[in-house]
Amino acid sequence: MGKVNAIIQDPYFDQPSWLSKVEYRETVNLSKLSTLDYAVLFFTLLCGYNNVDVNREPADVLNELITTDEVAIRGGIAFEDKDKVILPSCCCGLENWRDLLEAVLSKKGVWLGHDPFPSIEYVDNTVRIWSDDFSGVMRKDLSEQELQKMYYIEYNRDDLIKKLQSIETDLLDFYKYSLEKALWMVDDYYKEMLFLKYCKWFNLDVR
């Protein structure tokens, strides 16, 4: 049965000196099971991608973040099944993860990035996530060889909806169990305010 994960990608920015130095990874999963290293990479990408200078005191960095109404961050939803993986492509952001859920609920198309163009197809009560533009709408120049390399991961639509709905819990748990702990040196006030902004940025419902 296919997996669905919230991820960030390519966090290759300067890591804050006041956080533990960690090894870079191309892809980082975000959930309750995320390590503190993953939290450092998330924070690094969050700041770097949004031009927040990390070469300052932690409180100054967080203060800038909590006064920022919107952010962009490289990543989104990754699909995986056995030996197949489909990652978000260029210009797809984790902040728009809920758009995918809304698309599947209403059986519509959705932006998953470009070069390649992952795309979505509905067949009865199944959903196929394609590795590229299978319909040729966005890429009319696909060669026969490129078409043959294309593949999809198939989900039962109801099951996919449940998996996408669980992304909200994964992102909330990531903050609580990983990111908050990585920011142990920061006053609780800043962490609480950052959490509220985090929920706003990533369309999370704080119950």
N, C-alpha and C. Protein backbone atom coordinates (compact mmCIF):
# COMPACT_ATOMS: atom_id res chain seq x y z
N MET A 1 0.84 -1.19 0.00
CA MET A 1 0.00 0.00 0.00
C MET A 1 0.88 1.25 0.00
N GLY A 2 0.60 2.19 -0.89
CA GLY A 2 1.43 3.37 -1.06
C GLY A 2 1.50 4.26 0.17
N LYS A 3 2.66 4.88 0.35
CA LYS A 3 2.87 5.82 1.45
C LYS A 3 2.73 7.25 0.95
N VAL A 4 2.43 8.14 1.88
CA VAL A 4 2.32 9.57 1.59
C VAL A 4 3.02 10.31 2.72
N ASN A 5 3.99 11.15 2.39
CA ASN A 5 4.76 11.84 3.43
C ASN A 5 4.92 13.33 3.13
N ALA A 6 4.88 14.13 4.19
CA ALA A 6 5.24 15.54 4.07
C ALA A 6 6.76 15.63 4.11
N ILE A 7 7.34 16.35 3.15
CA ILE A 7 8.80 16.44 3.09
C ILE A 7 9.25 17.87 2.81
N ILE A 8 10.53 18.11 3.11
CA ILE A 8 11.22 19.28 2.58
C ILE A 8 12.37 18.76 1.73
N GLN A 9 12.89 19.62 0.86
CA GLN A 9 13.94 19.20 -0.06
C GLN A 9 15.07 20.24 -0.13
N ASP A 10 16.26 19.75 -0.33
CA ASP A 10 17.44 20.57 -0.62
C ASP A 10 17.66 21.70 0.40
N PRO A 11 17.86 21.36 1.65
CA PRO A 11 18.07 22.39 2.69
C PRO A 11 19.51 22.89 2.74
N TYR A 12 20.06 23.22 1.57
CA TYR A 12 21.48 23.53 1.49
C TYR A 12 21.76 25.02 1.72
N PHE A 13 21.49 25.45 2.94
CA PHE A 13 21.78 26.82 3.36
C PHE A 13 22.66 26.76 4.61
N ASP A 14 23.18 27.91 5.01
CA ASP A 14 24.01 27.96 6.21
C ASP A 14 23.20 27.58 7.44
N GLN A 15 23.69 26.61 8.19
CA GLN A 15 23.01 26.20 9.41
C GLN A 15 23.32 27.19 10.53
N PRO A 16 22.33 27.52 11.36
CA PRO A 16 22.59 28.42 12.50
C PRO A 16 23.68 27.84 13.40
N SER A 17 24.63 28.66 13.80
CA SER A 17 25.73 28.19 14.63
C SER A 17 25.27 27.77 16.02
N TRP A 18 24.11 28.24 16.44
CA TRP A 18 23.59 27.94 17.77
C TRP A 18 22.71 26.69 17.78
N LEU A 19 22.61 26.01 16.63
CA LEU A 19 21.96 24.70 16.57
C LEU A 19 23.03 23.66 16.32
N SER A 20 22.74 22.42 16.65
CA SER A 20 23.69 21.34 16.41
C SER A 20 24.02 21.25 14.92
N LYS A 21 25.28 21.08 14.60
CA LYS A 21 25.68 20.93 13.20
C LYS A 21 25.31 19.52 12.74
N VAL A 22 24.57 19.44 11.64
CA VAL A 22 24.09 18.13 11.19
C VAL A 22 24.47 17.93 9.73
N GLU A 23 24.42 16.69 9.30
CA GLU A 23 24.74 16.34 7.92
C GLU A 23 23.55 16.66 7.01
N TYR A 24 23.84 17.27 5.88
CA TYR A 24 22.77 17.63 4.94
C TYR A 24 22.17 16.38 4.30
N ARG A 25 20.87 16.46 3.97
CA ARG A 25 20.16 15.42 3.25
C ARG A 25 19.32 16.08 2.17
N GLU A 26 19.17 15.42 1.04
CA GLU A 26 18.36 16.00 -0.03
C GLU A 26 16.89 16.06 0.34
N THR A 27 16.42 15.03 1.03
CA THR A 27 15.00 14.93 1.37
C THR A 27 14.85 14.64 2.86
N VAL A 28 13.93 15.34 3.50
CA VAL A 28 13.70 15.19 4.94
C VAL A 28 12.21 14.98 5.19
N ASN A 29 11.85 13.84 5.81
CA ASN A 29 10.46 13.58 6.16
C ASN A 29 10.09 14.31 7.45
N LEU A 30 8.85 14.80 7.51
CA LEU A 30 8.38 15.54 8.68
C LEU A 30 7.23 14.79 9.34
N SER A 31 7.45 14.35 10.57
CA SER A 31 6.41 13.62 11.31
C SER A 31 6.86 13.51 12.76
N LYS A 32 6.09 12.78 13.54
CA LYS A 32 6.43 12.53 14.94
C LYS A 32 7.76 11.78 15.07
N LEU A 33 8.10 11.04 14.04
CA LEU A 33 9.31 10.21 14.06
C LEU A 33 10.55 10.96 13.57
N SER A 34 10.41 12.20 13.19
CA SER A 34 11.56 12.97 12.70
C SER A 34 12.59 13.17 13.80
N THR A 35 13.84 13.08 13.43
CA THR A 35 14.92 13.27 14.38
C THR A 35 15.17 14.76 14.62
N LEU A 36 15.99 15.06 15.63
CA LEU A 36 16.38 16.44 15.88
C LEU A 36 17.22 16.98 14.72
N ASP A 37 17.98 16.10 14.08
CA ASP A 37 18.74 16.51 12.89
C ASP A 37 17.80 17.02 11.80
N TYR A 38 16.68 16.33 11.63
CA TYR A 38 15.70 16.75 10.62
C TYR A 38 15.13 18.12 10.97
N ALA A 39 14.93 18.35 12.26
CA ALA A 39 14.40 19.64 12.70
C ALA A 39 15.38 20.76 12.38
N VAL A 40 16.67 20.49 12.58
CA VAL A 40 17.70 21.49 12.26
C VAL A 40 17.68 21.80 10.77
N LEU A 41 17.56 20.79 9.94
CA LEU A 41 17.52 21.00 8.49
C LEU A 41 16.26 21.75 8.08
N PHE A 42 15.14 21.46 8.71
CA PHE A 42 13.91 22.19 8.43
C PHE A 42 14.09 23.67 8.76
N PHE A 43 14.62 23.95 9.95
CA PHE A 43 14.79 25.33 10.37
C PHE A 43 15.79 26.05 9.46
N THR A 44 16.84 25.34 9.07
CA THR A 44 17.84 25.90 8.16
C THR A 44 17.21 26.29 6.83
N LEU A 45 16.39 25.40 6.27
CA LEU A 45 15.72 25.68 4.99
C LEU A 45 14.70 26.79 5.15
N LEU A 46 13.95 26.77 6.23
CA LEU A 46 12.94 27.80 6.48
C LEU A 46 13.58 29.19 6.46
N CYS A 47 14.69 29.33 7.15
CA CYS A 47 15.36 30.62 7.22
C CYS A 47 16.05 30.96 5.89
N GLY A 48 16.80 30.01 5.36
CA GLY A 48 17.54 30.28 4.14
C GLY A 48 16.66 30.59 2.95
N TYR A 49 15.60 29.82 2.78
CA TYR A 49 14.71 29.99 1.63
C TYR A 49 13.95 31.30 1.69
N ASN A 50 13.79 31.83 2.92
CA ASN A 50 13.03 33.07 3.12
C ASN A 50 13.92 34.25 3.51
N ASN A 51 15.21 34.09 3.25
CA ASN A 51 16.18 35.17 3.43
C ASN A 51 16.22 35.74 4.85
N VAL A 52 16.13 34.84 5.82
CA VAL A 52 16.25 35.23 7.23
C VAL A 52 17.68 34.97 7.67
N ASP A 53 18.36 35.99 8.11
CA ASP A 53 19.76 35.88 8.51
C ASP A 53 19.87 35.09 9.81
N VAL A 54 20.58 33.96 9.77
CA VAL A 54 20.70 33.12 10.97
C VAL A 54 21.95 33.46 11.79
N ASN A 55 22.76 34.38 11.29
CA ASN A 55 23.97 34.76 12.02
C ASN A 55 23.69 35.85 13.04
N ARG A 56 22.69 35.59 13.86
CA ARG A 56 22.27 36.50 14.93
C ARG A 56 21.88 35.66 16.13
N GLU A 57 21.51 36.33 17.20
CA GLU A 57 21.04 35.63 18.38
C GLU A 57 19.75 34.88 18.05
N PRO A 58 19.50 33.71 18.67
CA PRO A 58 18.30 32.94 18.38
C PRO A 58 17.01 33.75 18.52
N ALA A 59 16.91 34.58 19.56
CA ALA A 59 15.69 35.36 19.77
C ALA A 59 15.45 36.32 18.62
N ASP A 60 16.52 36.89 18.06
CA ASP A 60 16.37 37.83 16.94
C ASP A 60 15.88 37.11 15.69
N VAL A 61 16.39 35.90 15.47
CA VAL A 61 15.97 35.11 14.31
C VAL A 61 14.49 34.74 14.45
N LEU A 62 14.11 34.23 15.61
CA LEU A 62 12.71 33.85 15.80
C LEU A 62 11.78 35.05 15.76
N ASN A 63 12.25 36.17 16.26
CA ASN A 63 11.41 37.37 16.25
C ASN A 63 11.10 37.79 14.81
N GLU A 64 12.08 37.65 13.91
CA GLU A 64 11.81 37.97 12.51
C GLU A 64 10.82 36.97 11.92
N LEU A 65 10.99 35.69 12.25
CA LEU A 65 10.08 34.68 11.72
C LEU A 65 8.64 34.91 12.17
N ILE A 66 8.47 35.23 13.45
CA ILE A 66 7.10 35.35 13.96
C ILE A 66 6.42 36.64 13.51
N THR A 67 7.16 37.53 12.85
CA THR A 67 6.54 38.72 12.27
C THR A 67 6.36 38.56 10.76
N THR A 68 6.64 37.35 10.26
CA THR A 68 6.50 37.05 8.83
C THR A 68 5.16 36.36 8.59
N ASP A 69 4.32 36.97 7.77
CA ASP A 69 2.97 36.42 7.57
C ASP A 69 2.93 35.21 6.65
N GLU A 70 3.81 35.18 5.66
CA GLU A 70 3.81 34.06 4.72
C GLU A 70 5.24 33.61 4.46
N VAL A 71 5.40 32.31 4.25
CA VAL A 71 6.71 31.77 3.88
C VAL A 71 6.54 30.84 2.70
N ALA A 72 7.66 30.55 2.04
CA ALA A 72 7.72 29.50 1.03
C ALA A 72 8.82 28.55 1.47
N ILE A 73 8.63 27.27 1.21
CA ILE A 73 9.67 26.31 1.59
C ILE A 73 9.64 25.14 0.60
N ARG A 74 10.79 24.79 0.10
CA ARG A 74 10.89 23.75 -0.93
C ARG A 74 10.45 22.40 -0.37
N GLY A 75 9.49 21.77 -1.03
CA GLY A 75 9.01 20.47 -0.58
C GLY A 75 7.56 20.26 -0.96
N GLY A 76 6.87 19.47 -0.18
CA GLY A 76 5.48 19.16 -0.46
C GLY A 76 5.14 17.75 -0.02
N ILE A 77 4.41 17.04 -0.86
CA ILE A 77 4.00 15.67 -0.56
C ILE A 77 4.78 14.69 -1.45
N ALA A 78 5.36 13.68 -0.81
CA ALA A 78 6.07 12.63 -1.54
C ALA A 78 5.23 11.36 -1.54
N PHE A 79 5.23 10.66 -2.66
CA PHE A 79 4.47 9.42 -2.82
C PHE A 79 5.47 8.28 -3.00
N GLU A 80 5.18 7.16 -2.34
CA GLU A 80 6.13 6.04 -2.39
C GLU A 80 5.38 4.72 -2.36
N ASP A 81 5.84 3.78 -3.17
CA ASP A 81 5.27 2.44 -3.18
C ASP A 81 6.31 1.46 -3.71
N LYS A 82 6.76 0.57 -2.85
CA LYS A 82 7.79 -0.41 -3.22
C LYS A 82 9.03 0.32 -3.74
N ASP A 83 9.36 0.13 -5.01
CA ASP A 83 10.58 0.75 -5.55
C ASP A 83 10.29 2.04 -6.31
N LYS A 84 9.08 2.56 -6.17
CA LYS A 84 8.70 3.79 -6.87
C LYS A 84 8.60 4.96 -5.89
N VAL A 85 9.13 6.10 -6.29
CA VAL A 85 9.04 7.32 -5.50
C VAL A 85 8.75 8.48 -6.44
N ILE A 86 7.79 9.32 -6.06
CA ILE A 86 7.49 10.54 -6.81
C ILE A 86 7.58 11.72 -5.85
N LEU A 87 8.55 12.59 -6.10
CA LEU A 87 8.79 13.73 -5.23
C LEU A 87 8.20 15.00 -5.83
N PRO A 88 7.94 16.01 -5.00
CA PRO A 88 7.51 17.30 -5.54
C PRO A 88 8.61 17.85 -6.46
N SER A 89 8.21 18.48 -7.54
CA SER A 89 9.18 19.05 -8.47
C SER A 89 9.41 20.53 -8.18
N CYS A 90 10.18 21.17 -9.04
CA CYS A 90 10.55 22.56 -8.84
C CYS A 90 9.34 23.48 -8.70
N CYS A 91 9.45 24.44 -7.79
CA CYS A 91 8.40 25.44 -7.55
C CYS A 91 7.15 24.86 -6.89
N CYS A 92 7.30 23.71 -6.26
CA CYS A 92 6.22 23.16 -5.44
C CYS A 92 6.62 23.34 -3.99
N GLY A 93 5.74 23.89 -3.16
CA GLY A 93 6.11 24.18 -1.78
C GLY A 93 5.28 23.43 -0.76
N LEU A 94 5.88 23.12 0.37
CA LEU A 94 5.16 22.43 1.44
C LEU A 94 3.99 23.27 1.95
N GLU A 95 4.10 24.58 1.86
CA GLU A 95 3.03 25.46 2.35
C GLU A 95 1.72 25.24 1.60
N ASN A 96 1.78 24.59 0.43
CA ASN A 96 0.58 24.35 -0.38
C ASN A 96 0.10 22.91 -0.31
N TRP A 97 0.51 22.17 0.73
CA TRP A 97 0.17 20.75 0.80
C TRP A 97 -1.34 20.52 0.78
N ARG A 98 -2.10 21.43 1.40
CA ARG A 98 -3.55 21.22 1.50
C ARG A 98 -4.24 21.31 0.15
N ASP A 99 -3.62 21.98 -0.81
CA ASP A 99 -4.20 22.06 -2.16
C ASP A 99 -4.37 20.66 -2.75
N LEU A 100 -3.45 19.76 -2.45
CA LEU A 100 -3.54 18.39 -2.97
C LEU A 100 -4.72 17.66 -2.36
N LEU A 101 -4.90 17.83 -1.06
CA LEU A 101 -6.06 17.22 -0.39
C LEU A 101 -7.36 17.72 -1.01
N GLU A 102 -7.47 19.03 -1.20
CA GLU A 102 -8.69 19.60 -1.77
C GLU A 102 -8.91 19.11 -3.20
N ALA A 103 -7.82 18.92 -3.94
CA ALA A 103 -7.94 18.43 -5.32
C ALA A 103 -8.49 17.01 -5.35
N VAL A 104 -7.97 16.15 -4.48
CA VAL A 104 -8.43 14.75 -4.46
C VAL A 104 -9.89 14.68 -3.98
N LEU A 105 -10.24 15.52 -3.03
CA LEU A 105 -11.63 15.55 -2.56
C LEU A 105 -12.60 15.94 -3.67
N SER A 106 -12.16 16.84 -4.54
CA SER A 106 -13.04 17.33 -5.60
C SER A 106 -12.71 16.74 -6.97
N LYS A 107 -11.76 15.78 -7.00
CA LYS A 107 -11.34 15.13 -8.24
C LYS A 107 -10.89 16.13 -9.30
N LYS A 108 -9.99 17.00 -8.91
CA LYS A 108 -9.45 18.00 -9.83
C LYS A 108 -7.94 17.87 -9.94
N GLY A 109 -7.37 18.56 -10.89
CA GLY A 109 -5.93 18.59 -11.05
C GLY A 109 -5.30 19.49 -9.99
N VAL A 110 -3.97 19.40 -9.85
CA VAL A 110 -3.28 20.20 -8.85
C VAL A 110 -1.83 20.38 -9.27
N TRP A 111 -1.23 21.48 -8.88
CA TRP A 111 0.16 21.78 -9.22
C TRP A 111 1.10 20.99 -8.31
N LEU A 112 1.97 20.18 -8.91
CA LEU A 112 2.95 19.40 -8.16
C LEU A 112 4.37 19.72 -8.60
N GLY A 113 4.54 20.84 -9.29
CA GLY A 113 5.86 21.26 -9.73
C GLY A 113 6.11 20.97 -11.20
N HIS A 114 7.30 21.40 -11.66
CA HIS A 114 7.64 21.22 -13.08
C HIS A 114 9.05 20.67 -13.26
N ASP A 115 9.26 20.13 -14.45
CA ASP A 115 10.56 19.54 -14.83
C ASP A 115 11.05 18.45 -13.90
N PRO A 116 10.40 17.33 -13.77
CA PRO A 116 9.20 16.92 -14.50
C PRO A 116 7.92 17.52 -13.90
N PHE A 117 6.79 17.20 -14.53
CA PHE A 117 5.48 17.67 -14.10
C PHE A 117 4.68 16.52 -13.49
N PRO A 118 4.85 16.16 -12.22
CA PRO A 118 4.00 15.12 -11.64
C PRO A 118 2.52 15.52 -11.81
N SER A 119 1.70 14.56 -12.12
CA SER A 119 0.29 14.88 -12.40
C SER A 119 -0.61 13.82 -11.80
N ILE A 120 -1.89 14.11 -11.83
CA ILE A 120 -2.86 13.27 -11.13
C ILE A 120 -3.96 12.84 -12.09
N GLU A 121 -4.36 11.57 -11.97
CA GLU A 121 -5.41 11.01 -12.82
C GLU A 121 -6.39 10.25 -11.94
N TYR A 122 -7.68 10.42 -12.26
CA TYR A 122 -8.74 9.74 -11.51
C TYR A 122 -9.36 8.66 -12.40
N VAL A 123 -9.35 7.42 -11.90
CA VAL A 123 -9.93 6.29 -12.63
C VAL A 123 -10.88 5.57 -11.68
N ASP A 124 -12.19 5.75 -11.90
CA ASP A 124 -13.20 5.20 -10.98
C ASP A 124 -12.87 5.66 -9.55
N ASN A 125 -12.65 4.73 -8.61
CA ASN A 125 -12.36 5.13 -7.24
C ASN A 125 -10.87 4.99 -6.91
N THR A 126 -10.06 5.10 -7.94
CA THR A 126 -8.61 5.08 -7.71
C THR A 126 -8.00 6.41 -8.18
N VAL A 127 -6.86 6.71 -7.62
CA VAL A 127 -6.12 7.92 -7.98
C VAL A 127 -4.71 7.50 -8.39
N ARG A 128 -4.29 7.94 -9.55
CA ARG A 128 -2.94 7.66 -10.01
C ARG A 128 -2.11 8.94 -9.95
N ILE A 129 -1.00 8.87 -9.23
CA ILE A 129 -0.05 9.97 -9.21
C ILE A 129 1.05 9.61 -10.21
N TRP A 130 1.13 10.40 -11.27
CA TRP A 130 2.09 10.12 -12.33
C TRP A 130 3.40 10.85 -12.09
N SER A 131 4.50 10.24 -12.53
CA SER A 131 5.83 10.83 -12.35
C SER A 131 6.05 12.04 -13.25
N ASP A 132 5.22 12.18 -14.28
CA ASP A 132 5.37 13.31 -15.21
C ASP A 132 4.00 13.58 -15.85
N ASP A 133 4.00 14.44 -16.84
CA ASP A 133 2.75 14.88 -17.48
C ASP A 133 2.25 13.81 -18.45
N PHE A 134 1.54 12.82 -17.91
CA PHE A 134 1.08 11.69 -18.73
C PHE A 134 0.13 12.11 -19.84
N SER A 135 -0.62 13.20 -19.64
CA SER A 135 -1.64 13.61 -20.61
C SER A 135 -1.05 14.47 -21.72
N GLY A 136 0.17 14.97 -21.53
CA GLY A 136 0.80 15.81 -22.54
C GLY A 136 0.27 17.23 -22.59
N VAL A 137 -0.47 17.64 -21.57
CA VAL A 137 -1.02 19.00 -21.54
C VAL A 137 0.08 20.04 -21.31
N MET A 138 0.99 19.74 -20.37
CA MET A 138 2.05 20.67 -20.03
C MET A 138 3.32 20.43 -20.85
N ARG A 139 3.53 19.18 -21.26
CA ARG A 139 4.74 18.83 -22.00
C ARG A 139 4.36 18.17 -23.34
N LYS A 140 4.24 18.99 -24.34
CA LYS A 140 3.83 18.47 -25.64
C LYS A 140 5.01 17.92 -26.44
N ASP A 141 6.24 18.10 -25.89
CA ASP A 141 7.43 17.69 -26.61
C ASP A 141 8.01 16.37 -26.10
N LEU A 142 7.23 15.62 -25.33
CA LEU A 142 7.73 14.37 -24.77
C LEU A 142 8.07 13.36 -25.87
N SER A 143 9.24 12.79 -25.77
CA SER A 143 9.64 11.78 -26.75
C SER A 143 9.04 10.43 -26.36
N GLU A 144 9.08 9.49 -27.28
CA GLU A 144 8.55 8.16 -27.01
C GLU A 144 9.33 7.51 -25.86
N GLN A 145 10.63 7.76 -25.81
CA GLN A 145 11.48 7.22 -24.75
C GLN A 145 11.07 7.78 -23.39
N GLU A 146 10.79 9.09 -23.34
CA GLU A 146 10.35 9.72 -22.08
C GLU A 146 8.99 9.18 -21.64
N LEU A 147 8.12 8.95 -22.60
CA LEU A 147 6.80 8.41 -22.28
C LEU A 147 6.92 7.00 -21.69
N GLN A 148 7.83 6.21 -22.21
CA GLN A 148 8.01 4.85 -21.74
C GLN A 148 8.59 4.81 -20.32
N LYS A 149 9.37 5.81 -19.97
CA LYS A 149 9.97 5.88 -18.64
C LYS A 149 8.97 6.34 -17.57
N MET A 150 7.88 6.90 -18.02
CA MET A 150 6.89 7.44 -17.08
C MET A 150 6.21 6.32 -16.30
N TYR A 151 5.86 6.58 -15.05
CA TYR A 151 5.19 5.58 -14.22
C TYR A 151 4.25 6.27 -13.26
N TYR A 152 3.40 5.48 -12.62
CA TYR A 152 2.47 6.06 -11.64
C TYR A 152 2.40 5.19 -10.40
N ILE A 153 1.94 5.81 -9.32
CA ILE A 153 1.63 5.10 -8.08
C ILE A 153 0.14 5.23 -7.86
N GLU A 154 -0.52 4.11 -7.66
CA GLU A 154 -1.98 4.09 -7.59
C GLU A 154 -2.46 3.93 -6.16
N TYR A 155 -3.51 4.69 -5.82
CA TYR A 155 -4.11 4.65 -4.49
C TYR A 155 -5.62 4.48 -4.61
N ASN A 156 -6.19 3.81 -3.65
CA ASN A 156 -7.64 3.88 -3.48
C ASN A 156 -7.94 5.32 -3.05
N ARG A 157 -8.92 5.94 -3.68
CA ARG A 157 -9.17 7.37 -3.42
C ARG A 157 -9.50 7.64 -1.96
N ASP A 158 -10.35 6.83 -1.36
CA ASP A 158 -10.73 7.04 0.05
C ASP A 158 -9.51 6.89 0.96
N ASP A 159 -8.65 5.94 0.63
CA ASP A 159 -7.45 5.73 1.44
C ASP A 159 -6.48 6.91 1.28
N LEU A 160 -6.36 7.40 0.06
CA LEU A 160 -5.47 8.54 -0.18
C LEU A 160 -5.97 9.77 0.57
N ILE A 161 -7.26 9.97 0.58
CA ILE A 161 -7.83 11.11 1.32
C ILE A 161 -7.45 11.02 2.80
N LYS A 162 -7.56 9.82 3.38
CA LYS A 162 -7.19 9.64 4.80
C LYS A 162 -5.71 9.91 5.03
N LYS A 163 -4.89 9.44 4.10
CA LYS A 163 -3.44 9.65 4.23
C LYS A 163 -3.11 11.15 4.14
N LEU A 164 -3.76 11.84 3.23
CA LEU A 164 -3.51 13.28 3.09
C LEU A 164 -4.03 14.06 4.29
N GLN A 165 -5.15 13.63 4.83
CA GLN A 165 -5.66 14.29 6.04
C GLN A 165 -4.71 14.12 7.22
N SER A 166 -4.00 12.98 7.25
CA SER A 166 -3.07 12.72 8.35
C SER A 166 -1.80 13.57 8.27
N ILE A 167 -1.59 14.22 7.13
CA ILE A 167 -0.43 15.11 6.99
C ILE A 167 -0.51 16.23 8.02
N GLU A 168 -1.70 16.70 8.31
CA GLU A 168 -1.86 17.76 9.31
C GLU A 168 -1.32 17.31 10.66
N THR A 169 -1.67 16.09 11.06
CA THR A 169 -1.17 15.54 12.33
C THR A 169 0.34 15.38 12.29
N ASP A 170 0.87 14.92 11.15
CA ASP A 170 2.32 14.76 11.01
C ASP A 170 3.04 16.09 11.21
N LEU A 171 2.52 17.16 10.62
CA LEU A 171 3.18 18.46 10.71
C LEU A 171 3.08 19.03 12.13
N LEU A 172 1.94 18.82 12.76
CA LEU A 172 1.79 19.28 14.15
C LEU A 172 2.73 18.50 15.07
N ASP A 173 2.80 17.19 14.87
CA ASP A 173 3.68 16.35 15.69
C ASP A 173 5.15 16.70 15.45
N PHE A 174 5.48 17.03 14.20
CA PHE A 174 6.86 17.39 13.91
C PHE A 174 7.28 18.60 14.74
N TYR A 175 6.41 19.57 14.85
CA TYR A 175 6.76 20.76 15.65
C TYR A 175 6.94 20.37 17.11
N LYS A 176 5.98 19.62 17.63
CA LYS A 176 5.98 19.29 19.05
C LYS A 176 7.12 18.37 19.45
N TYR A 177 7.37 17.35 18.66
CA TYR A 177 8.35 16.31 19.05
C TYR A 177 9.76 16.54 18.51
N SER A 178 9.89 17.40 17.49
CA SER A 178 11.22 17.60 16.90
C SER A 178 11.67 19.05 16.92
N LEU A 179 10.93 19.91 16.24
CA LEU A 179 11.38 21.29 16.09
C LEU A 179 11.46 22.02 17.43
N GLU A 180 10.44 21.87 18.25
CA GLU A 180 10.44 22.54 19.56
C GLU A 180 11.62 22.10 20.42
N LYS A 181 11.95 20.82 20.35
CA LYS A 181 13.08 20.31 21.14
C LYS A 181 14.41 20.81 20.59
N ALA A 182 14.50 20.95 19.28
CA ALA A 182 15.74 21.46 18.69
C ALA A 182 16.00 22.90 19.10
N LEU A 183 14.92 23.63 19.37
CA LEU A 183 15.02 25.04 19.76
C LEU A 183 15.02 25.19 21.28
N TRP A 184 15.65 24.28 21.97
CA TRP A 184 15.62 24.25 23.43
C TRP A 184 16.22 25.52 24.04
N MET A 185 17.11 26.20 23.33
CA MET A 185 17.78 27.38 23.88
C MET A 185 16.94 28.65 23.80
N VAL A 186 15.77 28.54 23.17
CA VAL A 186 14.92 29.71 22.96
C VAL A 186 13.83 29.76 24.02
N ASP A 187 13.50 30.96 24.48
CA ASP A 187 12.45 31.12 25.49
C ASP A 187 11.12 30.55 25.00
N ASP A 188 10.32 30.03 25.93
CA ASP A 188 9.04 29.43 25.59
C ASP A 188 8.13 30.40 24.83
N TYR A 189 8.20 31.66 25.17
CA TYR A 189 7.35 32.66 24.50
C TYR A 189 7.58 32.62 23.00
N TYR A 190 8.84 32.64 22.58
CA TYR A 190 9.15 32.64 21.15
C TYR A 190 8.72 31.34 20.49
N LYS A 191 8.89 30.23 21.19
CA LYS A 191 8.48 28.94 20.61
C LYS A 191 6.96 28.86 20.46
N GLU A 192 6.23 29.42 21.42
CA GLU A 192 4.77 29.42 21.33
C GLU A 192 4.30 30.32 20.19
N MET A 193 4.93 31.48 20.06
CA MET A 193 4.55 32.39 18.98
C MET A 193 4.94 31.81 17.62
N LEU A 194 6.09 31.15 17.57
CA LEU A 194 6.51 30.52 16.32
C LEU A 194 5.55 29.40 15.94
N PHE A 195 5.07 28.66 16.92
CA PHE A 195 4.11 27.58 16.64
C PHE A 195 2.84 28.13 15.99
N LEU A 196 2.35 29.26 16.49
CA LEU A 196 1.15 29.85 15.92
C LEU A 196 1.38 30.27 14.47
N LYS A 197 2.56 30.84 14.20
CA LYS A 197 2.87 31.22 12.82
C LYS A 197 3.07 29.99 11.94
N TYR A 198 3.71 28.98 12.48
CA TYR A 198 3.92 27.71 11.78
C TYR A 198 2.58 27.14 11.32
N CYS A 199 1.59 27.17 12.20
CA CYS A 199 0.25 26.68 11.86
C CYS A 199 -0.39 27.53 10.77
N LYS A 200 -0.17 28.82 10.82
CA LYS A 200 -0.71 29.71 9.80
C LYS A 200 -0.03 29.47 8.46
N TRP A 201 1.30 29.38 8.48
CA TRP A 201 2.05 29.18 7.23
C TRP A 201 1.65 27.91 6.51
N PHE A 202 1.41 26.83 7.29
CA PHE A 202 1.18 25.52 6.70
C PHE A 202 -0.28 25.06 6.81
N ASN A 203 -1.17 26.04 7.02
CA ASN A 203 -2.62 25.75 6.99
C ASN A 203 -3.01 24.60 7.92
N LEU A 204 -2.58 24.72 9.19
CA LEU A 204 -2.88 23.70 10.18
C LEU A 204 -3.92 24.22 11.15
N ASP A 205 -4.83 23.36 11.53
CA ASP A 205 -5.92 23.74 12.43
C ASP A 205 -5.48 23.45 13.87
N VAL A 206 -5.33 24.50 14.67
CA VAL A 206 -4.94 24.34 16.07
C VAL A 206 -6.21 24.13 16.88
N ARG A 207 -6.40 22.90 17.33
CA ARG A 207 -7.64 22.60 18.07
C ARG A 207 -7.43 22.83 19.56
